[in-house]
Structure formats: C-alpha cells, structure tokens
N, C-alpha and C. Protein backbone atom coordinates (compact mmCIF):
# COMPACT_ATOMS: atom_id res chain seq x y z
N MET A 1 109.95 121.86 101.62
CA MET A 1 109.31 121.04 102.64
C MET A 1 109.84 119.61 102.54
N HIS A 2 110.30 119.07 103.66
CA HIS A 2 110.79 117.69 103.70
C HIS A 2 109.61 116.74 103.85
N ARG A 3 109.53 115.77 102.95
CA ARG A 3 108.43 114.82 102.99
C ARG A 3 108.97 113.41 103.16
N LEU A 4 108.16 112.53 103.74
CA LEU A 4 108.54 111.14 103.97
C LEU A 4 107.49 110.22 103.32
N PRO A 5 107.83 108.93 103.15
CA PRO A 5 106.90 108.00 102.50
C PRO A 5 105.66 107.67 103.32
N VAL A 6 104.65 107.19 102.59
CA VAL A 6 103.44 106.64 103.17
C VAL A 6 103.29 105.22 102.64
N VAL A 7 103.11 104.26 103.54
CA VAL A 7 102.85 102.87 103.17
C VAL A 7 101.34 102.68 103.21
N PHE A 8 100.79 101.99 102.22
CA PHE A 8 99.34 101.79 102.24
C PHE A 8 98.94 100.47 101.59
N ASP A 9 97.69 100.10 101.87
CA ASP A 9 97.08 98.91 101.29
C ASP A 9 95.59 99.18 101.17
N ILE A 10 94.96 98.61 100.14
CA ILE A 10 93.51 98.78 100.01
C ILE A 10 92.82 97.43 100.02
N GLU A 11 91.56 97.47 100.39
CA GLU A 11 90.67 96.32 100.24
C GLU A 11 89.51 96.77 99.37
N THR A 12 89.00 95.86 98.57
CA THR A 12 87.93 96.20 97.63
C THR A 12 86.63 95.52 98.01
N LYS A 13 85.56 96.03 97.40
CA LYS A 13 84.22 95.47 97.62
C LYS A 13 83.98 94.23 96.76
N HIS A 14 84.68 94.16 95.64
CA HIS A 14 84.46 93.08 94.67
C HIS A 14 85.78 92.51 94.21
N THR A 15 85.71 91.37 93.53
CA THR A 15 86.90 90.74 92.94
C THR A 15 86.81 90.85 91.42
N PHE A 16 87.87 90.41 90.77
CA PHE A 16 87.86 90.38 89.30
C PHE A 16 86.89 89.32 88.78
N ARG A 17 86.40 88.45 89.64
CA ARG A 17 85.35 87.51 89.22
C ARG A 17 84.03 88.26 89.02
N ASP A 18 83.85 89.34 89.78
CA ASP A 18 82.64 90.15 89.66
C ASP A 18 82.74 91.15 88.51
N PHE A 19 83.89 91.81 88.40
CA PHE A 19 84.12 92.83 87.37
C PHE A 19 85.54 92.68 86.85
N ASN A 20 85.75 92.93 85.58
CA ASN A 20 87.10 92.78 85.04
C ASN A 20 87.84 94.11 84.90
N GLU A 21 87.29 95.18 85.46
CA GLU A 21 87.94 96.49 85.41
C GLU A 21 88.23 96.96 86.83
N HIS A 22 89.44 97.48 87.01
CA HIS A 22 89.84 97.99 88.33
C HIS A 22 88.83 99.00 88.87
N LYS A 23 88.39 99.91 88.02
CA LYS A 23 87.54 101.01 88.48
C LYS A 23 86.19 100.54 89.01
N LYS A 24 85.80 99.32 88.69
CA LYS A 24 84.51 98.81 89.15
C LYS A 24 84.61 97.99 90.44
N LEU A 25 85.83 97.75 90.93
CA LEU A 25 86.00 96.91 92.11
C LEU A 25 85.53 97.61 93.39
N GLY A 26 85.62 98.92 93.45
CA GLY A 26 85.17 99.67 94.61
C GLY A 26 86.07 99.49 95.82
N VAL A 27 86.32 100.57 96.53
CA VAL A 27 87.15 100.53 97.73
C VAL A 27 86.27 100.36 98.96
N SER A 28 86.59 99.38 99.79
CA SER A 28 85.89 99.25 101.07
C SER A 28 86.67 99.98 102.17
N VAL A 29 87.99 99.80 102.18
CA VAL A 29 88.83 100.46 103.20
C VAL A 29 90.26 100.57 102.67
N VAL A 30 90.94 101.60 103.13
CA VAL A 30 92.37 101.79 102.88
C VAL A 30 93.03 101.99 104.23
N ALA A 31 94.18 101.37 104.42
CA ALA A 31 94.98 101.61 105.63
C ALA A 31 96.31 102.23 105.21
N SER A 32 96.81 103.13 106.04
CA SER A 32 98.08 103.78 105.72
C SER A 32 98.94 103.88 106.97
N TYR A 33 100.25 103.96 106.72
CA TYR A 33 101.22 104.28 107.76
C TYR A 33 102.03 105.45 107.22
N ASP A 34 102.05 106.55 107.95
CA ASP A 34 102.76 107.75 107.54
C ASP A 34 104.08 107.83 108.30
N PHE A 35 105.21 107.73 107.59
CA PHE A 35 106.51 107.82 108.24
C PHE A 35 106.73 109.19 108.87
N ALA A 36 106.11 110.22 108.35
CA ALA A 36 106.29 111.58 108.89
C ALA A 36 105.73 111.72 110.29
N THR A 37 104.62 111.03 110.57
CA THR A 37 103.97 111.17 111.87
C THR A 37 104.04 109.90 112.72
N GLY A 38 104.38 108.77 112.08
CA GLY A 38 104.36 107.49 112.79
C GLY A 38 102.94 107.00 113.05
N LYS A 39 101.99 107.54 112.31
CA LYS A 39 100.57 107.28 112.56
C LYS A 39 100.00 106.29 111.53
N THR A 40 99.20 105.36 112.04
CA THR A 40 98.44 104.44 111.20
C THR A 40 96.99 104.91 111.18
N GLN A 41 96.40 104.89 109.97
CA GLN A 41 95.01 105.34 109.84
C GLN A 41 94.26 104.42 108.89
N THR A 42 92.94 104.42 109.02
CA THR A 42 92.10 103.76 108.03
C THR A 42 91.15 104.79 107.44
N PHE A 43 90.77 104.54 106.19
CA PHE A 43 89.88 105.43 105.46
C PHE A 43 88.82 104.59 104.76
N LEU A 44 87.57 104.93 104.99
CA LEU A 44 86.48 104.29 104.28
C LEU A 44 86.29 105.02 102.95
N GLU A 45 85.44 104.47 102.10
CA GLU A 45 85.26 105.01 100.77
C GLU A 45 84.93 106.51 100.78
N ASP A 46 84.09 106.94 101.70
CA ASP A 46 83.70 108.35 101.72
C ASP A 46 84.73 109.26 102.39
N GLU A 47 85.88 108.70 102.79
CA GLU A 47 86.94 109.47 103.42
C GLU A 47 88.20 109.54 102.55
N LEU A 48 88.10 109.11 101.31
CA LEU A 48 89.29 109.03 100.46
C LEU A 48 89.90 110.40 100.16
N ASN A 49 89.10 111.47 100.20
CA ASN A 49 89.68 112.80 99.98
C ASN A 49 90.75 113.11 101.02
N VAL A 50 90.58 112.63 102.24
CA VAL A 50 91.59 112.82 103.30
C VAL A 50 92.84 111.99 102.98
N LEU A 51 92.64 110.77 102.52
CA LEU A 51 93.76 109.91 102.12
C LEU A 51 94.55 110.58 100.99
N PHE A 52 93.87 111.14 100.01
CA PHE A 52 94.56 111.74 98.88
C PHE A 52 95.40 112.94 99.30
N ARG A 53 94.96 113.69 100.28
CA ARG A 53 95.80 114.78 100.80
C ARG A 53 97.07 114.21 101.43
N LEU A 54 96.93 113.08 102.13
CA LEU A 54 98.10 112.41 102.70
C LEU A 54 99.06 111.98 101.58
N PHE A 55 98.51 111.40 100.53
CA PHE A 55 99.33 110.99 99.38
C PHE A 55 100.05 112.18 98.76
N GLU A 56 99.35 113.29 98.62
CA GLU A 56 99.92 114.46 97.97
C GLU A 56 101.06 115.08 98.77
N ASN A 57 101.14 114.75 100.05
CA ASN A 57 102.22 115.28 100.89
C ASN A 57 103.31 114.26 101.17
N ALA A 58 103.25 113.09 100.54
CA ALA A 58 104.25 112.04 100.76
C ALA A 58 105.36 112.12 99.72
N SER A 59 106.57 111.72 100.12
CA SER A 59 107.67 111.66 99.15
C SER A 59 107.49 110.47 98.21
N TYR A 60 107.01 109.35 98.75
CA TYR A 60 106.74 108.14 97.97
C TYR A 60 105.51 107.46 98.54
N LEU A 61 104.81 106.73 97.70
CA LEU A 61 103.78 105.80 98.15
C LEU A 61 104.41 104.43 98.05
N ILE A 62 104.39 103.69 99.14
CA ILE A 62 105.02 102.38 99.21
C ILE A 62 103.95 101.34 99.48
N GLY A 63 104.04 100.22 98.77
CA GLY A 63 103.09 99.14 98.99
C GLY A 63 103.51 97.89 98.26
N TYR A 64 102.64 96.91 98.29
CA TYR A 64 102.90 95.61 97.68
C TYR A 64 101.85 95.40 96.59
N ASN A 65 102.25 95.48 95.36
CA ASN A 65 101.38 95.36 94.18
C ASN A 65 100.51 96.61 93.99
N ILE A 66 101.00 97.75 94.42
CA ILE A 66 100.21 98.97 94.32
C ILE A 66 100.13 99.51 92.90
N ASN A 67 101.18 99.33 92.11
CA ASN A 67 101.16 99.87 90.75
C ASN A 67 100.18 99.12 89.85
N SER A 68 100.03 97.83 90.07
CA SER A 68 99.15 97.02 89.22
C SER A 68 97.75 96.85 89.78
N PHE A 69 97.56 97.11 91.07
CA PHE A 69 96.25 96.90 91.66
C PHE A 69 95.70 98.11 92.42
N ASP A 70 96.34 98.46 93.52
CA ASP A 70 95.79 99.49 94.42
C ASP A 70 95.56 100.83 93.72
N LEU A 71 96.59 101.34 93.06
CA LEU A 71 96.43 102.65 92.43
C LEU A 71 95.43 102.64 91.27
N PRO A 72 95.41 101.62 90.40
CA PRO A 72 94.36 101.60 89.38
C PRO A 72 92.94 101.57 89.97
N VAL A 73 92.77 100.91 91.12
CA VAL A 73 91.45 100.91 91.77
C VAL A 73 91.15 102.32 92.30
N LEU A 74 92.14 102.94 92.93
CA LEU A 74 91.93 104.27 93.51
C LEU A 74 91.73 105.35 92.44
N GLN A 75 92.20 105.11 91.21
CA GLN A 75 92.04 106.11 90.16
C GLN A 75 90.57 106.50 89.95
N ALA A 76 89.67 105.55 90.18
CA ALA A 76 88.24 105.83 90.01
C ALA A 76 87.76 106.92 90.98
N TYR A 77 88.51 107.16 92.05
CA TYR A 77 88.11 108.12 93.08
C TYR A 77 88.92 109.42 93.03
N TYR A 78 90.08 109.38 92.40
CA TYR A 78 90.98 110.54 92.41
C TYR A 78 90.67 111.46 91.24
N PRO A 79 90.48 112.75 91.49
CA PRO A 79 90.07 113.65 90.41
C PRO A 79 91.16 113.94 89.38
N GLY A 80 92.41 113.67 89.72
CA GLY A 80 93.52 113.89 88.79
C GLY A 80 94.06 112.56 88.29
N ASP A 81 95.28 112.61 87.81
CA ASP A 81 95.97 111.41 87.31
C ASP A 81 96.76 110.80 88.46
N ILE A 82 96.34 109.67 88.92
CA ILE A 82 96.96 109.05 90.11
C ILE A 82 98.40 108.61 89.84
N THR A 83 98.79 108.51 88.58
CA THR A 83 100.16 108.10 88.25
C THR A 83 101.17 109.22 88.49
N ILE A 84 100.71 110.42 88.89
CA ILE A 84 101.65 111.50 89.20
C ILE A 84 102.44 111.20 90.47
N PHE A 85 101.93 110.33 91.33
CA PHE A 85 102.61 110.05 92.59
C PHE A 85 103.84 109.18 92.36
N LYS A 86 104.91 109.52 93.08
CA LYS A 86 106.11 108.68 93.05
C LYS A 86 105.81 107.45 93.89
N THR A 87 106.07 106.28 93.34
CA THR A 87 105.77 105.04 94.06
C THR A 87 107.00 104.15 94.17
N PHE A 88 106.95 103.31 95.18
CA PHE A 88 107.87 102.18 95.27
C PHE A 88 107.02 100.96 95.57
N ASP A 89 106.92 100.08 94.56
CA ASP A 89 106.13 98.87 94.67
C ASP A 89 107.09 97.71 94.97
N ILE A 90 107.00 97.17 96.16
CA ILE A 90 107.91 96.10 96.58
C ILE A 90 107.78 94.88 95.67
N LEU A 91 106.57 94.53 95.27
CA LEU A 91 106.39 93.38 94.38
C LEU A 91 107.06 93.61 93.04
N ASP A 92 106.95 94.81 92.48
CA ASP A 92 107.63 95.11 91.22
C ASP A 92 109.13 94.95 91.36
N ASP A 93 109.68 95.41 92.50
CA ASP A 93 111.12 95.30 92.74
C ASP A 93 111.54 93.84 92.85
N ILE A 94 110.76 93.03 93.54
CA ILE A 94 111.07 91.60 93.67
C ILE A 94 111.05 90.95 92.29
N LYS A 95 110.02 91.22 91.51
CA LYS A 95 109.90 90.62 90.18
C LYS A 95 111.08 91.01 89.29
N GLU A 96 111.50 92.26 89.39
CA GLU A 96 112.64 92.72 88.60
C GLU A 96 113.92 92.00 89.01
N ARG A 97 114.06 91.71 90.30
CA ARG A 97 115.30 91.09 90.80
C ARG A 97 115.35 89.57 90.59
N ILE A 98 114.20 88.88 90.72
CA ILE A 98 114.25 87.41 90.61
C ILE A 98 113.45 86.85 89.44
N GLY A 99 112.75 87.73 88.72
CA GLY A 99 112.05 87.30 87.51
C GLY A 99 110.68 86.70 87.72
N ARG A 100 110.16 86.80 88.92
CA ARG A 100 108.80 86.27 89.17
C ARG A 100 108.19 86.97 90.37
N ARG A 101 106.88 86.81 90.48
CA ARG A 101 106.12 87.41 91.57
C ARG A 101 106.11 86.47 92.78
N LEU A 102 106.04 87.05 93.95
CA LEU A 102 105.91 86.29 95.19
C LEU A 102 104.76 86.88 96.00
N ALA A 103 104.04 86.04 96.70
CA ALA A 103 102.96 86.51 97.57
C ALA A 103 103.56 87.22 98.78
N LEU A 104 102.89 88.27 99.23
CA LEU A 104 103.35 89.00 100.42
C LEU A 104 103.54 88.06 101.59
N ASN A 105 102.60 87.15 101.78
CA ASN A 105 102.69 86.22 102.91
C ASN A 105 103.97 85.39 102.87
N ASP A 106 104.38 84.95 101.67
CA ASP A 106 105.60 84.15 101.53
C ASP A 106 106.84 84.95 101.89
N VAL A 107 106.89 86.19 101.49
CA VAL A 107 108.06 87.03 101.76
C VAL A 107 108.10 87.44 103.23
N ILE A 108 106.95 87.79 103.78
CA ILE A 108 106.86 88.15 105.21
C ILE A 108 107.26 86.97 106.08
N SER A 109 106.77 85.80 105.72
CA SER A 109 107.07 84.59 106.50
C SER A 109 108.57 84.30 106.51
N ALA A 110 109.19 84.34 105.33
CA ALA A 110 110.63 84.03 105.23
C ALA A 110 111.50 85.13 105.82
N THR A 111 111.07 86.37 105.71
CA THR A 111 111.90 87.50 106.16
C THR A 111 111.68 87.83 107.63
N CYS A 112 110.43 87.87 108.04
CA CYS A 112 110.10 88.37 109.38
C CYS A 112 109.55 87.29 110.32
N GLY A 113 109.34 86.09 109.79
CA GLY A 113 108.82 85.01 110.62
C GLY A 113 107.38 85.20 111.04
N LYS A 114 106.60 85.92 110.20
CA LYS A 114 105.20 86.19 110.52
C LYS A 114 104.31 85.71 109.39
N LYS A 115 103.02 85.55 109.70
CA LYS A 115 102.04 85.17 108.68
C LYS A 115 100.91 86.18 108.68
N LYS A 116 100.39 86.45 107.48
CA LYS A 116 99.25 87.35 107.36
C LYS A 116 98.07 86.81 108.16
N SER A 117 97.20 87.72 108.56
CA SER A 117 96.05 87.32 109.38
C SER A 117 94.89 86.78 108.55
N GLY A 118 95.01 86.80 107.23
CA GLY A 118 93.95 86.29 106.37
C GLY A 118 94.31 86.48 104.92
N HIS A 119 93.29 86.57 104.06
CA HIS A 119 93.50 86.75 102.63
C HIS A 119 92.45 87.71 102.10
N GLY A 120 92.70 88.23 100.88
CA GLY A 120 91.84 89.25 100.31
C GLY A 120 90.38 88.87 100.19
N LEU A 121 90.09 87.61 99.89
CA LEU A 121 88.69 87.19 99.76
C LEU A 121 87.97 87.26 101.10
N MET A 122 88.70 87.01 102.18
CA MET A 122 88.13 87.13 103.51
C MET A 122 87.74 88.59 103.78
N ALA A 123 88.57 89.52 103.29
CA ALA A 123 88.27 90.94 103.48
C ALA A 123 86.99 91.32 102.75
N ILE A 124 86.76 90.75 101.58
CA ILE A 124 85.52 91.02 100.85
C ILE A 124 84.32 90.46 101.62
N ASP A 125 84.49 89.30 102.23
CA ASP A 125 83.43 88.75 103.08
C ASP A 125 83.14 89.68 104.26
N TYR A 126 84.19 90.20 104.90
CA TYR A 126 83.99 91.15 105.99
C TYR A 126 83.15 92.33 105.53
N TYR A 127 83.47 92.85 104.35
CA TYR A 127 82.72 93.98 103.81
C TYR A 127 81.25 93.61 103.61
N LYS A 128 81.02 92.48 102.96
CA LYS A 128 79.65 92.07 102.66
C LYS A 128 78.83 91.80 103.92
N GLU A 129 79.52 91.35 104.98
CA GLU A 129 78.85 91.06 106.25
C GLU A 129 78.79 92.27 107.18
N GLY A 130 79.35 93.40 106.73
CA GLY A 130 79.34 94.61 107.56
C GLY A 130 80.25 94.52 108.77
N LYS A 131 81.27 93.69 108.71
CA LYS A 131 82.22 93.54 109.82
C LYS A 131 83.35 94.55 109.64
N TRP A 132 83.04 95.82 109.91
CA TRP A 132 83.97 96.90 109.62
C TRP A 132 85.23 96.86 110.48
N GLU A 133 85.11 96.53 111.74
CA GLU A 133 86.30 96.51 112.61
C GLU A 133 87.27 95.41 112.17
N GLU A 134 86.74 94.24 111.82
CA GLU A 134 87.59 93.14 111.34
C GLU A 134 88.25 93.52 110.02
N LEU A 135 87.49 94.18 109.15
CA LEU A 135 88.02 94.61 107.85
C LEU A 135 89.14 95.62 108.03
N LYS A 136 88.92 96.60 108.88
CA LYS A 136 89.96 97.61 109.14
C LYS A 136 91.20 96.96 109.74
N ALA A 137 91.01 96.05 110.69
CA ALA A 137 92.14 95.38 111.34
C ALA A 137 92.95 94.58 110.32
N TYR A 138 92.26 93.88 109.43
CA TYR A 138 92.95 93.10 108.40
C TYR A 138 93.78 94.01 107.49
N CYS A 139 93.20 95.12 107.06
CA CYS A 139 93.89 96.04 106.17
C CYS A 139 95.09 96.68 106.87
N ILE A 140 94.91 97.05 108.14
CA ILE A 140 96.04 97.59 108.91
C ILE A 140 97.15 96.56 109.01
N ASP A 141 96.80 95.30 109.28
CA ASP A 141 97.81 94.23 109.37
C ASP A 141 98.64 94.16 108.09
N ASP A 142 97.96 94.15 106.93
CA ASP A 142 98.70 94.07 105.66
C ASP A 142 99.61 95.29 105.47
N THR A 143 99.12 96.46 105.85
CA THR A 143 99.93 97.67 105.73
C THR A 143 101.16 97.58 106.63
N MET A 144 100.97 97.12 107.84
CA MET A 144 102.09 97.05 108.78
C MET A 144 103.07 95.94 108.42
N TYR A 145 102.58 94.83 107.86
CA TYR A 145 103.49 93.79 107.36
C TYR A 145 104.34 94.34 106.21
N THR A 146 103.71 95.12 105.34
CA THR A 146 104.44 95.72 104.23
C THR A 146 105.48 96.70 104.77
N LYS A 147 105.11 97.51 105.75
CA LYS A 147 106.06 98.44 106.37
C LYS A 147 107.21 97.68 107.02
N GLU A 148 106.88 96.61 107.74
CA GLU A 148 107.93 95.83 108.41
C GLU A 148 108.90 95.22 107.39
N LEU A 149 108.36 94.72 106.29
CA LEU A 149 109.20 94.17 105.22
C LEU A 149 110.09 95.26 104.64
N PHE A 150 109.50 96.42 104.36
CA PHE A 150 110.26 97.55 103.83
C PHE A 150 111.37 97.96 104.81
N ASP A 151 111.03 98.12 106.09
CA ASP A 151 112.02 98.50 107.11
C ASP A 151 113.16 97.48 107.15
N TYR A 152 112.83 96.20 107.08
CA TYR A 152 113.85 95.15 107.11
C TYR A 152 114.79 95.30 105.92
N GLY A 153 114.22 95.50 104.74
CA GLY A 153 115.03 95.67 103.54
C GLY A 153 115.92 96.90 103.60
N VAL A 154 115.39 98.00 104.13
CA VAL A 154 116.17 99.23 104.28
C VAL A 154 117.35 98.97 105.22
N LYS A 155 117.09 98.34 106.35
CA LYS A 155 118.11 98.13 107.39
C LYS A 155 119.15 97.08 106.98
N ASN A 156 118.69 95.99 106.34
CA ASN A 156 119.58 94.86 106.10
C ASN A 156 120.06 94.69 104.66
N GLY A 157 119.46 95.42 103.73
CA GLY A 157 119.87 95.31 102.33
C GLY A 157 119.47 94.01 101.67
N GLU A 158 118.57 93.28 102.30
CA GLU A 158 118.07 92.03 101.73
C GLU A 158 116.76 91.64 102.41
N ILE A 159 115.99 90.86 101.68
CA ILE A 159 114.80 90.20 102.21
C ILE A 159 114.90 88.75 101.78
N PHE A 160 113.93 87.92 102.15
CA PHE A 160 114.03 86.49 101.87
C PHE A 160 112.73 85.91 101.35
N TYR A 161 112.86 84.79 100.66
CA TYR A 161 111.72 83.95 100.33
C TYR A 161 112.18 82.50 100.44
N LEU A 162 111.25 81.58 100.47
CA LEU A 162 111.58 80.16 100.58
C LEU A 162 111.40 79.48 99.24
N ASN A 163 112.32 78.58 98.93
CA ASN A 163 112.12 77.67 97.80
C ASN A 163 112.43 76.26 98.28
N GLU A 164 112.52 75.32 97.35
CA GLU A 164 112.73 73.91 97.75
C GLU A 164 114.05 73.68 98.47
N ASN A 165 115.00 74.63 98.35
CA ASN A 165 116.29 74.50 99.02
C ASN A 165 116.36 75.26 100.34
N GLY A 166 115.29 75.95 100.69
CA GLY A 166 115.28 76.71 101.94
C GLY A 166 115.16 78.21 101.71
N LYS A 167 115.71 78.97 102.64
CA LYS A 167 115.61 80.43 102.63
C LYS A 167 116.57 81.02 101.59
N VAL A 168 116.02 81.87 100.72
CA VAL A 168 116.82 82.47 99.65
C VAL A 168 116.81 83.98 99.81
N PRO A 169 118.01 84.61 99.83
CA PRO A 169 118.04 86.07 99.97
C PRO A 169 117.76 86.78 98.64
N ILE A 170 117.16 87.94 98.74
CA ILE A 170 117.02 88.85 97.61
C ILE A 170 117.69 90.14 98.04
N LYS A 171 118.78 90.50 97.38
CA LYS A 171 119.49 91.75 97.71
C LYS A 171 118.65 92.93 97.25
N VAL A 172 118.50 93.93 98.11
CA VAL A 172 117.69 95.12 97.79
C VAL A 172 118.45 96.39 98.17
N LYS A 173 118.06 97.47 97.53
CA LYS A 173 118.64 98.79 97.81
C LYS A 173 117.49 99.75 98.05
N TRP A 174 116.86 99.63 99.20
CA TRP A 174 115.66 100.40 99.48
C TRP A 174 115.91 101.64 100.33
N GLY A 175 117.11 101.79 100.86
CA GLY A 175 117.41 102.94 101.72
C GLY A 175 117.16 104.26 101.04
N LYS A 176 117.33 104.31 99.71
CA LYS A 176 117.15 105.57 98.98
C LYS A 176 115.74 106.13 99.13
N TYR A 177 114.76 105.26 99.39
CA TYR A 177 113.38 105.74 99.53
C TYR A 177 113.14 106.45 100.86
N MET A 178 114.05 106.26 101.80
CA MET A 178 113.97 106.99 103.06
C MET A 178 114.89 108.21 103.04
N GLU A 179 115.87 108.21 102.15
CA GLU A 179 116.84 109.31 102.10
C GLU A 179 116.38 110.44 101.18
N ASP A 180 115.53 110.14 100.21
CA ASP A 180 115.04 111.14 99.28
C ASP A 180 114.23 112.17 100.07
N PRO A 181 114.63 113.44 100.03
CA PRO A 181 113.93 114.44 100.82
C PRO A 181 112.53 114.77 100.32
N GLY A 182 112.20 114.28 99.15
CA GLY A 182 110.85 114.51 98.64
C GLY A 182 110.57 115.97 98.38
N ILE A 183 111.57 116.74 97.97
CA ILE A 183 111.42 118.18 97.78
C ILE A 183 110.63 118.49 96.51
N ILE A 184 110.70 117.65 95.51
CA ILE A 184 109.98 117.90 94.27
C ILE A 184 108.49 117.95 94.57
N GLU A 185 107.87 119.00 94.14
CA GLU A 185 106.46 119.19 94.44
C GLU A 185 105.58 118.34 93.52
N THR A 186 104.64 117.64 94.11
CA THR A 186 103.63 116.90 93.36
C THR A 186 102.53 117.88 93.01
N PRO A 187 102.11 117.93 91.72
CA PRO A 187 100.98 118.82 91.40
C PRO A 187 99.73 118.37 92.14
N LEU A 188 99.11 119.28 92.82
CA LEU A 188 97.93 118.93 93.61
C LEU A 188 96.69 118.97 92.75
N ALA A 189 95.86 117.96 92.90
CA ALA A 189 94.64 117.88 92.12
C ALA A 189 93.40 118.20 92.97
N LEU A 190 93.60 118.32 94.27
CA LEU A 190 92.45 118.55 95.15
C LEU A 190 92.47 119.98 95.68
N PRO A 191 91.33 120.61 95.76
CA PRO A 191 91.29 121.96 96.34
C PRO A 191 91.44 121.91 97.85
N PHE A 192 92.01 122.94 98.41
CA PHE A 192 92.17 123.02 99.86
C PHE A 192 91.40 124.19 100.40
C-alpha cells in the first residue's frame, strides 16, 4: 500500500506553567492535512482515535516541534508507543542545520511572506473561553503554514530566516519525505 505524509499540529488545554509534564497538558484540538486525500481536518480530544488511525496510515508525520512537544502530549492518549511513527520534524531539521531553534512564525515570514494568526497562549484562552471555532481555525492555520513551509522546502531545496544582515537561506533536502512510498508497515496499536 502506497502511503503519503500527514502534517499536523496540536493545541493544549494547559501550559508548562500549569504542569511540567507533557501528559498533563491535555489536548484541546488537533489539526491535520493528509497528502493522500488533500483533506484538512480537526479533531477534538474525544475524537483522537480517528486521528490515530490517520497517523497509522501515513508514511510520515510532519510538523514543527512535534518530536519534543506534540507527540509527547499525544502519548497520554495513544494506547501504544507513539514513537513507532516515522516523523519529520522541521524544527529539528533546522536546528541540526544551523545550530539553533527558530520560531515557526519567523521562518514562515522569511520564506513565505506570511505571519501566524496568533500564538499558543491565545489558543489556550480560546479553549478556556469555549471559542471552539476560533481554536480550530488557529490550529488549522498553523498546520497549513507548516505544510506550506514544507512544500516550499521540497520544491526549492531551501527555506529562509531573517537575521541582522537580512534574509538567510537554509539548504534543505525534504523531497525524500514525499518520495518514500511508505511501504513499511507501522504496527497498529488500535483495534479496527
């Protein structure tokens, strides 16, 4: 079976100021973009079983800071070992190439000329205020900005960030994440 990547982003109910463990942060919403279908979806906390089926059928999970944040938060909900999924974390790749972390907004701005619609703390406020449509829209925006950044890197072999001297390129080799047929089977942890 030929599989394609899924891009995703999560928003949490709490911050590390509230709890110092990923598993206690709680998921408010997850947004995904599935390259196989071209479909964007959102999942609330009680719908994560559907998200995990999507993950189990993806060749890669792609995101920004997913290895250090998103997946450790989701582990509290996944019945198996969430590290079984093949991932491509754009932030990890940037850090490996230039030796430091960059905010998604900074890379999106320099590469695509766009700005995020808000910040993570605003998403927590949306959750606390019950503003579900705004929360979903914010999470979808972050997912689509991440997808756009990934697509740009695949197509152009570079992305950009700004420093005191202006726009600086970061050479990337991301095309392989779209070329991998994803034939290797991921062990499924969920019953069907």
